[in-house]
PDB file of all heavy atoms in Angstrom:
ATOM      1  N   GLN A   1      -5.052   5.528  -7.827  1.00  0.00           N
ATOM      2  CA  GLN A   1      -6.495   5.701  -7.920  1.00  0.00           C
ATOM      3  C   GLN A   1      -7.175   5.873  -6.567  1.00  0.00           C
ATOM      4  O   GLN A   1      -8.391   6.027  -6.497  1.00  0.00           O
ATOM      5  CB  GLN A   1      -7.110   4.506  -8.658  1.00  0.00           C
ATOM      6  CG  GLN A   1      -6.588   4.366 -10.090  1.00  0.00           C
ATOM      7  CD  GLN A   1      -7.207   3.192 -10.810  1.00  0.00           C
ATOM      8  OE1 GLN A   1      -8.423   3.140 -11.013  1.00  0.00           O
ATOM      9  NE2 GLN A   1      -6.397   2.234 -11.202  1.00  0.00           N
ATOM     10  N   LEU A   2      -6.407   5.849  -5.490  1.00  0.00           N
ATOM     11  CA  LEU A   2      -6.992   5.958  -4.160  1.00  0.00           C
ATOM     12  C   LEU A   2      -7.552   7.360  -3.915  1.00  0.00           C
ATOM     13  O   LEU A   2      -7.079   8.351  -4.479  1.00  0.00           O
ATOM     14  CB  LEU A   2      -5.945   5.629  -3.102  1.00  0.00           C
ATOM     15  CG  LEU A   2      -5.442   4.184  -3.100  1.00  0.00           C
ATOM     16  CD1 LEU A   2      -4.301   4.020  -2.092  1.00  0.00           C
ATOM     17  CD2 LEU A   2      -6.565   3.205  -2.793  1.00  0.00           C
ATOM     18  N   GLN A   3      -8.572   7.417  -3.047  1.00  0.00           N
ATOM     19  CA  GLN A   3      -9.225   8.672  -2.689  1.00  0.00           C
ATOM     20  C   GLN A   3      -9.192   8.845  -1.170  1.00  0.00           C
ATOM     21  O   GLN A   3      -8.955   7.883  -0.435  1.00  0.00           O
ATOM     22  CB  GLN A   3     -10.682   8.658  -3.166  1.00  0.00           C
ATOM     23  CG  GLN A   3     -10.863   8.424  -4.648  1.00  0.00           C
ATOM     24  CD  GLN A   3     -12.319   8.404  -5.045  1.00  0.00           C
ATOM     25  OE1 GLN A   3     -13.075   9.336  -4.730  1.00  0.00           O
ATOM     26  NE2 GLN A   3     -12.743   7.364  -5.744  1.00  0.00           N
ATOM     27  N   PRO A   4      -9.439  10.068  -0.678  1.00  0.00           N
ATOM     28  CA  PRO A   4      -9.495  10.270   0.779  1.00  0.00           C
ATOM     29  C   PRO A   4     -10.509   9.332   1.430  1.00  0.00           C
ATOM     30  O   PRO A   4     -11.617   9.151   0.940  1.00  0.00           O
ATOM     31  CB  PRO A   4      -9.931  11.737   0.907  1.00  0.00           C
ATOM     32  CG  PRO A   4      -9.424  12.376  -0.345  1.00  0.00           C
ATOM     33  CD  PRO A   4      -9.582  11.336  -1.422  1.00  0.00           C
ATOM     34  N   GLY A   5     -10.102   8.728   2.536  1.00  0.00           N
ATOM     35  CA  GLY A   5     -10.963   7.802   3.251  1.00  0.00           C
ATOM     36  C   GLY A   5     -10.843   6.362   2.823  1.00  0.00           C
ATOM     37  O   GLY A   5     -11.397   5.469   3.465  1.00  0.00           O
ATOM     38  N   ASP A   6     -10.119   6.097   1.729  1.00  0.00           N
ATOM     39  CA  ASP A   6      -9.918   4.725   1.260  1.00  0.00           C
ATOM     40  C   ASP A   6      -8.896   4.002   2.119  1.00  0.00           C
ATOM     41  O   ASP A   6      -7.940   4.617   2.625  1.00  0.00           O
ATOM     42  CB  ASP A   6      -9.413   4.704  -0.187  1.00  0.00           C
ATOM     43  CG  ASP A   6     -10.486   5.049  -1.202  1.00  0.00           C
ATOM     44  OD1 ASP A   6     -11.680   5.043  -0.826  1.00  0.00           O
ATOM     45  OD2 ASP A   6     -10.138   5.305  -2.371  1.00  0.00           O
ATOM     46  N   ILE A   7      -9.088   2.692   2.259  1.00  0.00           N
ATOM     47  CA  ILE A   7      -8.058   1.819   2.827  1.00  0.00           C
ATOM     48  C   ILE A   7      -7.785   0.718   1.817  1.00  0.00           C
ATOM     49  O   ILE A   7      -8.695  -0.052   1.472  1.00  0.00           O
ATOM     50  CB  ILE A   7      -8.484   1.205   4.165  1.00  0.00           C
ATOM     51  CG1 ILE A   7      -8.589   2.284   5.239  1.00  0.00           C
ATOM     52  CG2 ILE A   7      -7.494   0.133   4.614  1.00  0.00           C
ATOM     53  CD1 ILE A   7      -9.044   1.765   6.582  1.00  0.00           C
ATOM     54  N   LEU A   8      -6.576   0.644   1.347  1.00  0.00           N
ATOM     55  CA  LEU A   8      -6.194  -0.385   0.390  1.00  0.00           C
ATOM     56  C   LEU A   8      -5.936  -1.691   1.129  1.00  0.00           C
ATOM     57  O   LEU A   8      -5.105  -1.751   2.032  1.00  0.00           O
ATOM     58  CB  LEU A   8      -4.939   0.058  -0.373  1.00  0.00           C
ATOM     59  CG  LEU A   8      -4.472  -0.836  -1.512  1.00  0.00           C
ATOM     60  CD1 LEU A   8      -5.583  -1.096  -2.511  1.00  0.00           C
ATOM     61  CD2 LEU A   8      -3.269  -0.197  -2.215  1.00  0.00           C
ATOM     62  N   VAL A   9      -6.688  -2.722   0.761  1.00  0.00           N
ATOM     63  CA  VAL A   9      -6.545  -4.050   1.347  1.00  0.00           C
ATOM     64  C   VAL A   9      -5.966  -4.956   0.266  1.00  0.00           C
ATOM     65  O   VAL A   9      -6.614  -5.206  -0.749  1.00  0.00           O
ATOM     66  CB  VAL A   9      -7.893  -4.589   1.855  1.00  0.00           C
ATOM     67  CG1 VAL A   9      -7.740  -6.008   2.399  1.00  0.00           C
ATOM     68  CG2 VAL A   9      -8.461  -3.672   2.941  1.00  0.00           C
ATOM     69  N   VAL A  10      -4.745  -5.449   0.493  1.00  0.00           N
ATOM     70  CA  VAL A  10      -3.979  -6.124  -0.546  1.00  0.00           C
ATOM     71  C   VAL A  10      -3.797  -7.600  -0.217  1.00  0.00           C
ATOM     72  O   VAL A  10      -3.227  -7.951   0.821  1.00  0.00           O
ATOM     73  CB  VAL A  10      -2.595  -5.460  -0.716  1.00  0.00           C
ATOM     74  CG1 VAL A  10      -1.834  -6.114  -1.871  1.00  0.00           C
ATOM     75  CG2 VAL A  10      -2.736  -3.966  -0.945  1.00  0.00           C
ATOM     76  N   ASP A  11      -4.263  -8.450  -1.113  1.00  0.00           N
ATOM     77  CA  ASP A  11      -4.026  -9.890  -1.011  1.00  0.00           C
ATOM     78  C   ASP A  11      -2.758 -10.215  -1.789  1.00  0.00           C
ATOM     79  O   ASP A  11      -2.776 -10.295  -3.012  1.00  0.00           O
ATOM     80  CB  ASP A  11      -5.220 -10.655  -1.575  1.00  0.00           C
ATOM     81  CG  ASP A  11      -4.996 -12.174  -1.586  1.00  0.00           C
ATOM     82  OD1 ASP A  11      -3.973 -12.626  -1.045  1.00  0.00           O
ATOM     83  OD2 ASP A  11      -5.865 -12.890  -2.130  1.00  0.00           O
ATOM     84  N   LEU A  12      -1.675 -10.381  -1.049  1.00  0.00           N
ATOM     85  CA  LEU A  12      -0.390 -10.765  -1.653  1.00  0.00           C
ATOM     86  C   LEU A  12      -0.004 -12.174  -1.205  1.00  0.00           C
ATOM     87  O   LEU A  12       1.163 -12.498  -1.084  1.00  0.00           O
ATOM     88  CB  LEU A  12       0.691  -9.749  -1.279  1.00  0.00           C
ATOM     89  CG  LEU A  12       1.271  -8.940  -2.436  1.00  0.00           C
ATOM     90  CD1 LEU A  12       2.139  -7.805  -1.923  1.00  0.00           C
ATOM     91  CD2 LEU A  12       2.077  -9.825  -3.380  1.00  0.00           C
ATOM     92  N   PHE A  13      -1.027 -12.976  -0.951  1.00  0.00           N
ATOM     93  CA  PHE A  13      -0.937 -14.400  -0.590  1.00  0.00           C
ATOM     94  C   PHE A  13       0.164 -14.687   0.441  1.00  0.00           C
ATOM     95  O   PHE A  13       0.798 -15.737   0.425  1.00  0.00           O
ATOM     96  CB  PHE A  13      -0.811 -15.292  -1.838  1.00  0.00           C
ATOM     97  CG  PHE A  13       0.298 -14.955  -2.818  1.00  0.00           C
ATOM     98  CD1 PHE A  13       1.538 -15.582  -2.745  1.00  0.00           C
ATOM     99  CD2 PHE A  13       0.079 -14.036  -3.825  1.00  0.00           C
ATOM    100  CE1 PHE A  13       2.548 -15.294  -3.641  1.00  0.00           C
ATOM    101  CE2 PHE A  13       1.086 -13.727  -4.732  1.00  0.00           C
ATOM    102  CZ  PHE A  13       2.329 -14.363  -4.643  1.00  0.00           C
ATOM    103  N   GLY A  14       0.371 -13.747   1.374  1.00  0.00           N
ATOM    104  CA  GLY A  14       1.330 -13.944   2.455  1.00  0.00           C
ATOM    105  C   GLY A  14       2.784 -13.938   2.042  1.00  0.00           C
ATOM    106  O   GLY A  14       3.657 -14.338   2.823  1.00  0.00           O
ATOM    107  N   LYS A  15       3.089 -13.445   0.852  1.00  0.00           N
ATOM    108  CA  LYS A  15       4.450 -13.496   0.312  1.00  0.00           C
ATOM    109  C   LYS A  15       5.382 -12.554   1.078  1.00  0.00           C
ATOM    110  O   LYS A  15       5.028 -11.408   1.352  1.00  0.00           O
ATOM    111  CB  LYS A  15       4.424 -13.130  -1.171  1.00  0.00           C
ATOM    112  CG  LYS A  15       5.762 -13.265  -1.899  1.00  0.00           C
ATOM    113  CD  LYS A  15       5.560 -12.981  -3.381  1.00  0.00           C
ATOM    114  CE  LYS A  15       6.877 -12.975  -4.153  1.00  0.00           C
ATOM    115  NZ  LYS A  15       7.527 -14.313  -4.155  1.00  0.00           N
ATOM    116  N   ASP A  16       6.573 -13.041   1.429  1.00  0.00           N
ATOM    117  CA  ASP A  16       7.580 -12.230   2.119  1.00  0.00           C
ATOM    118  C   ASP A  16       8.629 -11.726   1.133  1.00  0.00           C
ATOM    119  O   ASP A  16       8.579 -10.571   0.701  1.00  0.00           O
ATOM    120  CB  ASP A  16       8.252 -13.047   3.225  1.00  0.00           C
ATOM    121  CG  ASP A  16       7.305 -13.345   4.370  1.00  0.00           C
ATOM    122  OD1 ASP A  16       6.293 -12.642   4.515  1.00  0.00           O
ATOM    123  OD2 ASP A  16       7.573 -14.286   5.123  1.00  0.00           O
ATOM    124  N   GLU A  17       9.587 -12.567   0.762  1.00  0.00           N
ATOM    125  CA  GLU A  17      10.634 -12.179  -0.181  1.00  0.00           C
ATOM    126  C   GLU A  17      10.018 -11.830  -1.528  1.00  0.00           C
ATOM    127  O   GLU A  17       9.229 -12.585  -2.087  1.00  0.00           O
ATOM    128  CB  GLU A  17      11.647 -13.307  -0.339  1.00  0.00           C
ATOM    129  CG  GLU A  17      12.838 -12.927  -1.198  1.00  0.00           C
ATOM    130  CD  GLU A  17      13.888 -14.029  -1.243  1.00  0.00           C
ATOM    131  OE1 GLU A  17      13.629 -15.130  -0.710  1.00  0.00           O
ATOM    132  OE2 GLU A  17      14.970 -13.792  -1.818  1.00  0.00           O
ATOM    133  N   TYR A  18      10.334 -10.646  -2.032  1.00  0.00           N
ATOM    134  CA  TYR A  18       9.784 -10.106  -3.273  1.00  0.00           C
ATOM    135  C   TYR A  18       8.255  -9.954  -3.208  1.00  0.00           C
ATOM    136  O   TYR A  18       7.605  -9.882  -4.249  1.00  0.00           O
ATOM    137  CB  TYR A  18      10.197 -10.956  -4.479  1.00  0.00           C
ATOM    138  CG  TYR A  18      11.693 -10.978  -4.698  1.00  0.00           C
ATOM    139  CD1 TYR A  18      12.415 -12.167  -4.560  1.00  0.00           C
ATOM    140  CD2 TYR A  18      12.396  -9.816  -5.002  1.00  0.00           C
ATOM    141  CE1 TYR A  18      13.790 -12.197  -4.726  1.00  0.00           C
ATOM    142  CE2 TYR A  18      13.767  -9.833  -5.174  1.00  0.00           C
ATOM    143  CZ  TYR A  18      14.462 -11.017  -5.025  1.00  0.00           C
ATOM    144  OH  TYR A  18      15.827 -11.040  -5.190  1.00  0.00           O
ATOM    145  N   GLY A  19       7.734  -9.893  -2.002  1.00  0.00           N
ATOM    146  CA  GLY A  19       6.301  -9.666  -1.822  1.00  0.00           C
ATOM    147  C   GLY A  19       6.024  -8.372  -1.101  1.00  0.00           C
ATOM    148  O   GLY A  19       5.011  -8.236  -0.420  1.00  0.00           O
ATOM    149  N   THR A  20       6.908  -7.392  -1.243  1.00  0.00           N
ATOM    150  CA  THR A  20       6.819  -6.121  -0.514  1.00  0.00           C
ATOM    151  C   THR A  20       5.988  -5.125  -1.319  1.00  0.00           C
ATOM    152  O   THR A  20       6.479  -4.514  -2.267  1.00  0.00           O
ATOM    153  CB  THR A  20       8.221  -5.555  -0.261  1.00  0.00           C
ATOM    154  OG1 THR A  20       8.944  -5.521  -1.498  1.00  0.00           O
ATOM    155  CG2 THR A  20       8.982  -6.458   0.704  1.00  0.00           C
ATOM    156  N   PHE A  21       4.752  -4.937  -0.898  1.00  0.00           N
ATOM    157  CA  PHE A  21       3.839  -4.100  -1.687  1.00  0.00           C
ATOM    158  C   PHE A  21       4.306  -2.658  -1.760  1.00  0.00           C
ATOM    159  O   PHE A  21       4.196  -2.017  -2.808  1.00  0.00           O
ATOM    160  CB  PHE A  21       2.436  -4.175  -1.097  1.00  0.00           C
ATOM    161  CG  PHE A  21       1.435  -3.358  -1.859  1.00  0.00           C
ATOM    162  CD1 PHE A  21       0.987  -3.768  -3.104  1.00  0.00           C
ATOM    163  CD2 PHE A  21       0.958  -2.155  -1.345  1.00  0.00           C
ATOM    164  CE1 PHE A  21       0.080  -3.006  -3.824  1.00  0.00           C
ATOM    165  CE2 PHE A  21       0.049  -1.395  -2.061  1.00  0.00           C
ATOM    166  CZ  PHE A  21      -0.392  -1.820  -3.298  1.00  0.00           C
ATOM    167  N   VAL A  22       4.807  -2.116  -0.642  1.00  0.00           N
ATOM    168  CA  VAL A  22       5.303  -0.738  -0.639  1.00  0.00           C
ATOM    169  C   VAL A  22       6.566  -0.643   0.212  1.00  0.00           C
ATOM    170  O   VAL A  22       6.807  -1.464   1.092  1.00  0.00           O
ATOM    171  CB  VAL A  22       4.271   0.272  -0.075  1.00  0.00           C
ATOM    172  CG1 VAL A  22       3.079   0.407  -0.984  1.00  0.00           C
ATOM    173  CG2 VAL A  22       3.849  -0.111   1.340  1.00  0.00           C
ATOM    174  N   GLY A  23       7.356   0.391  -0.095  1.00  0.00           N
ATOM    175  CA  GLY A  23       8.405   0.860   0.797  1.00  0.00           C
ATOM    176  C   GLY A  23       7.962   2.177   1.405  1.00  0.00           C
ATOM    177  O   GLY A  23       6.786   2.563   1.324  1.00  0.00           O
ATOM    178  N   ASP A  24       8.911   2.900   1.995  1.00  0.00           N
ATOM    179  CA  ASP A  24       8.506   4.115   2.700  1.00  0.00           C
ATOM    180  C   ASP A  24       7.998   5.215   1.768  1.00  0.00           C
ATOM    181  O   ASP A  24       7.098   5.975   2.135  1.00  0.00           O
ATOM    182  CB  ASP A  24       9.630   4.629   3.606  1.00  0.00           C
ATOM    183  CG  ASP A  24      10.925   4.909   2.859  1.00  0.00           C
ATOM    184  OD1 ASP A  24      11.013   4.614   1.649  1.00  0.00           O
ATOM    185  OD2 ASP A  24      11.865   5.411   3.507  1.00  0.00           O
ATOM    186  N   ASN A  25       8.519   5.307   0.543  1.00  0.00           N
ATOM    187  CA  ASN A  25       8.071   6.367  -0.359  1.00  0.00           C
ATOM    188  C   ASN A  25       6.611   6.186  -0.769  1.00  0.00           C
ATOM    189  O   ASN A  25       5.805   7.115  -0.676  1.00  0.00           O
ATOM    190  CB  ASN A  25       8.960   6.435  -1.601  1.00  0.00           C
ATOM    191  CG  ASN A  25      10.328   7.017  -1.293  1.00  0.00           C
ATOM    192  OD1 ASN A  25      10.450   7.902  -0.450  1.00  0.00           O
ATOM    193  ND2 ASN A  25      11.354   6.524  -1.953  1.00  0.00           N
ATOM    194  N   LEU A  26       6.254   4.981  -1.244  1.00  0.00           N
ATOM    195  CA  LEU A  26       4.872   4.743  -1.659  1.00  0.00           C
ATOM    196  C   LEU A  26       3.927   4.739  -0.457  1.00  0.00           C
ATOM    197  O   LEU A  26       2.777   5.165  -0.573  1.00  0.00           O
ATOM    198  CB  LEU A  26       4.769   3.424  -2.426  1.00  0.00           C
ATOM    199  CG  LEU A  26       5.331   3.443  -3.850  1.00  0.00           C
ATOM    200  CD1 LEU A  26       5.156   2.077  -4.519  1.00  0.00           C
ATOM    201  CD2 LEU A  26       4.668   4.529  -4.701  1.00  0.00           C
ATOM    202  N   ALA A  27       4.400   4.271   0.690  1.00  0.00           N
ATOM    203  CA  ALA A  27       3.560   4.314   1.888  1.00  0.00           C
ATOM    204  C   ALA A  27       3.247   5.766   2.258  1.00  0.00           C
ATOM    205  O   ALA A  27       2.113   6.088   2.653  1.00  0.00           O
ATOM    206  CB  ALA A  27       4.247   3.601   3.044  1.00  0.00           C
ATOM    207  N   TYR A  28       4.229   6.633   2.147  1.00  0.00           N
ATOM    208  CA  TYR A  28       4.006   8.053   2.444  1.00  0.00           C
ATOM    209  C   TYR A  28       3.003   8.652   1.465  1.00  0.00           C
ATOM    210  O   TYR A  28       2.127   9.446   1.849  1.00  0.00           O
ATOM    211  CB  TYR A  28       5.323   8.814   2.379  1.00  0.00           C
ATOM    212  CG  TYR A  28       5.215  10.253   2.850  1.00  0.00           C
ATOM    213  CD1 TYR A  28       5.228  10.551   4.203  1.00  0.00           C
ATOM    214  CD2 TYR A  28       5.070  11.292   1.941  1.00  0.00           C
ATOM    215  CE1 TYR A  28       5.121  11.866   4.647  1.00  0.00           C
ATOM    216  CE2 TYR A  28       4.952  12.603   2.361  1.00  0.00           C
ATOM    217  CZ  TYR A  28       4.981  12.887   3.720  1.00  0.00           C
ATOM    218  OH  TYR A  28       4.857  14.177   4.146  1.00  0.00           O
ATOM    219  N   TYR A  29       3.109   8.258   0.198  1.00  0.00           N
ATOM    220  CA  TYR A  29       2.172   8.734  -0.825  1.00  0.00           C
ATOM    221  C   TYR A  29       0.750   8.286  -0.484  1.00  0.00           C
ATOM    222  O   TYR A  29      -0.209   9.059  -0.601  1.00  0.00           O
ATOM    223  CB  TYR A  29       2.605   8.196  -2.188  1.00  0.00           C
ATOM    224  CG  TYR A  29       1.749   8.629  -3.355  1.00  0.00           C
ATOM    225  CD1 TYR A  29       1.496   9.967  -3.610  1.00  0.00           C
ATOM    226  CD2 TYR A  29       1.198   7.688  -4.220  1.00  0.00           C
ATOM    227  CE1 TYR A  29       0.725  10.366  -4.696  1.00  0.00           C
ATOM    228  CE2 TYR A  29       0.426   8.071  -5.314  1.00  0.00           C
ATOM    229  CZ  TYR A  29       0.197   9.405  -5.541  1.00  0.00           C
ATOM    230  OH  TYR A  29      -0.577   9.800  -6.617  1.00  0.00           O
ATOM    231  N   ILE A  30       0.579   7.034  -0.042  1.00  0.00           N
ATOM    232  CA  ILE A  30      -0.731   6.534   0.364  1.00  0.00           C
ATOM    233  C   ILE A  30      -1.277   7.361   1.521  1.00  0.00           C
ATOM    234  O   ILE A  30      -2.458   7.725   1.546  1.00  0.00           O
ATOM    235  CB  ILE A  30      -0.645   5.042   0.752  1.00  0.00           C
ATOM    236  CG1 ILE A  30      -0.390   4.188  -0.488  1.00  0.00           C
ATOM    237  CG2 ILE A  30      -1.923   4.578   1.454  1.00  0.00           C
ATOM    238  CD1 ILE A  30      -0.109   2.732  -0.182  1.00  0.00           C
ATOM    239  N   MET A  31      -0.430   7.661   2.493  1.00  0.00           N
ATOM    240  CA  MET A  31      -0.855   8.458   3.637  1.00  0.00           C
ATOM    241  C   MET A  31      -1.350   9.831   3.188  1.00  0.00           C
ATOM    242  O   MET A  31      -2.383  10.321   3.667  1.00  0.00           O
ATOM    243  CB  MET A  31       0.298   8.605   4.635  1.00  0.00           C
ATOM    244  CG  MET A  31      -0.063   9.424   5.875  1.00  0.00           C
ATOM    245  SD  MET A  31       1.274   9.471   7.107  1.00  0.00           S
ATOM    246  CE  MET A  31       2.503  10.437   6.211  1.00  0.00           C
ATOM    247  N   GLN A  32      -0.641  10.450   2.265  1.00  0.00           N
ATOM    248  CA  GLN A  32      -1.038  11.770   1.789  1.00  0.00           C
ATOM    249  C   GLN A  32      -2.330  11.729   0.986  1.00  0.00           C
ATOM    250  O   GLN A  32      -3.144  12.651   1.048  1.00  0.00           O
ATOM    251  CB  GLN A  32       0.084  12.381   0.940  1.00  0.00           C
ATOM    252  CG  GLN A  32       1.347  12.689   1.710  1.00  0.00           C
ATOM    253  CD  GLN A  32       1.102  13.671   2.848  1.00  0.00           C
ATOM    254  OE1 GLN A  32       0.516  14.726   2.656  1.00  0.00           O
ATOM    255  NE2 GLN A  32       1.543  13.324   4.036  1.00  0.00           N
ATOM    256  N   LYS A  33      -2.551  10.656   0.224  1.00  0.00           N
ATOM    257  CA  LYS A  33      -3.740  10.560  -0.616  1.00  0.00           C
ATOM    258  C   LYS A  33      -4.987  10.202   0.167  1.00  0.00           C
ATOM    259  O   LYS A  33      -6.075  10.710  -0.106  1.00  0.00           O
ATOM    260  CB  LYS A  33      -3.546   9.499  -1.719  1.00  0.00           C
ATOM    261  CG  LYS A  33      -2.573   9.891  -2.810  1.00  0.00           C
ATOM    262  CD  LYS A  33      -2.915   9.201  -4.121  1.00  0.00           C
ATOM    263  CE  LYS A  33      -4.175   9.775  -4.735  1.00  0.00           C
ATOM    264  NZ  LYS A  33      -4.475   9.229  -6.071  1.00  0.00           N
ATOM    265  N   THR A  34      -4.866   9.298   1.138  1.00  0.00           N
ATOM    266  CA  THR A  34      -6.051   8.736   1.783  1.00  0.00           C
ATOM    267  C   THR A  34      -6.295   9.266   3.189  1.00  0.00           C
ATOM    268  O   THR A  34      -7.437   9.317   3.642  1.00  0.00           O
ATOM    269  CB  THR A  34      -5.942   7.207   1.866  1.00  0.00           C
ATOM    270  OG1 THR A  34      -4.883   6.850   2.776  1.00  0.00           O
ATOM    271  CG2 THR A  34      -5.685   6.601   0.495  1.00  0.00           C
TER     272      THR A  34
END
């Protein structure tokens, strides 16, 4: 649902293990969208 100019700010309560919001594929998709 992101649009150009958006910055996604994610509260994942500081979780490390199994708290990985994105890997390189989804991060690249975010870069292309926003």
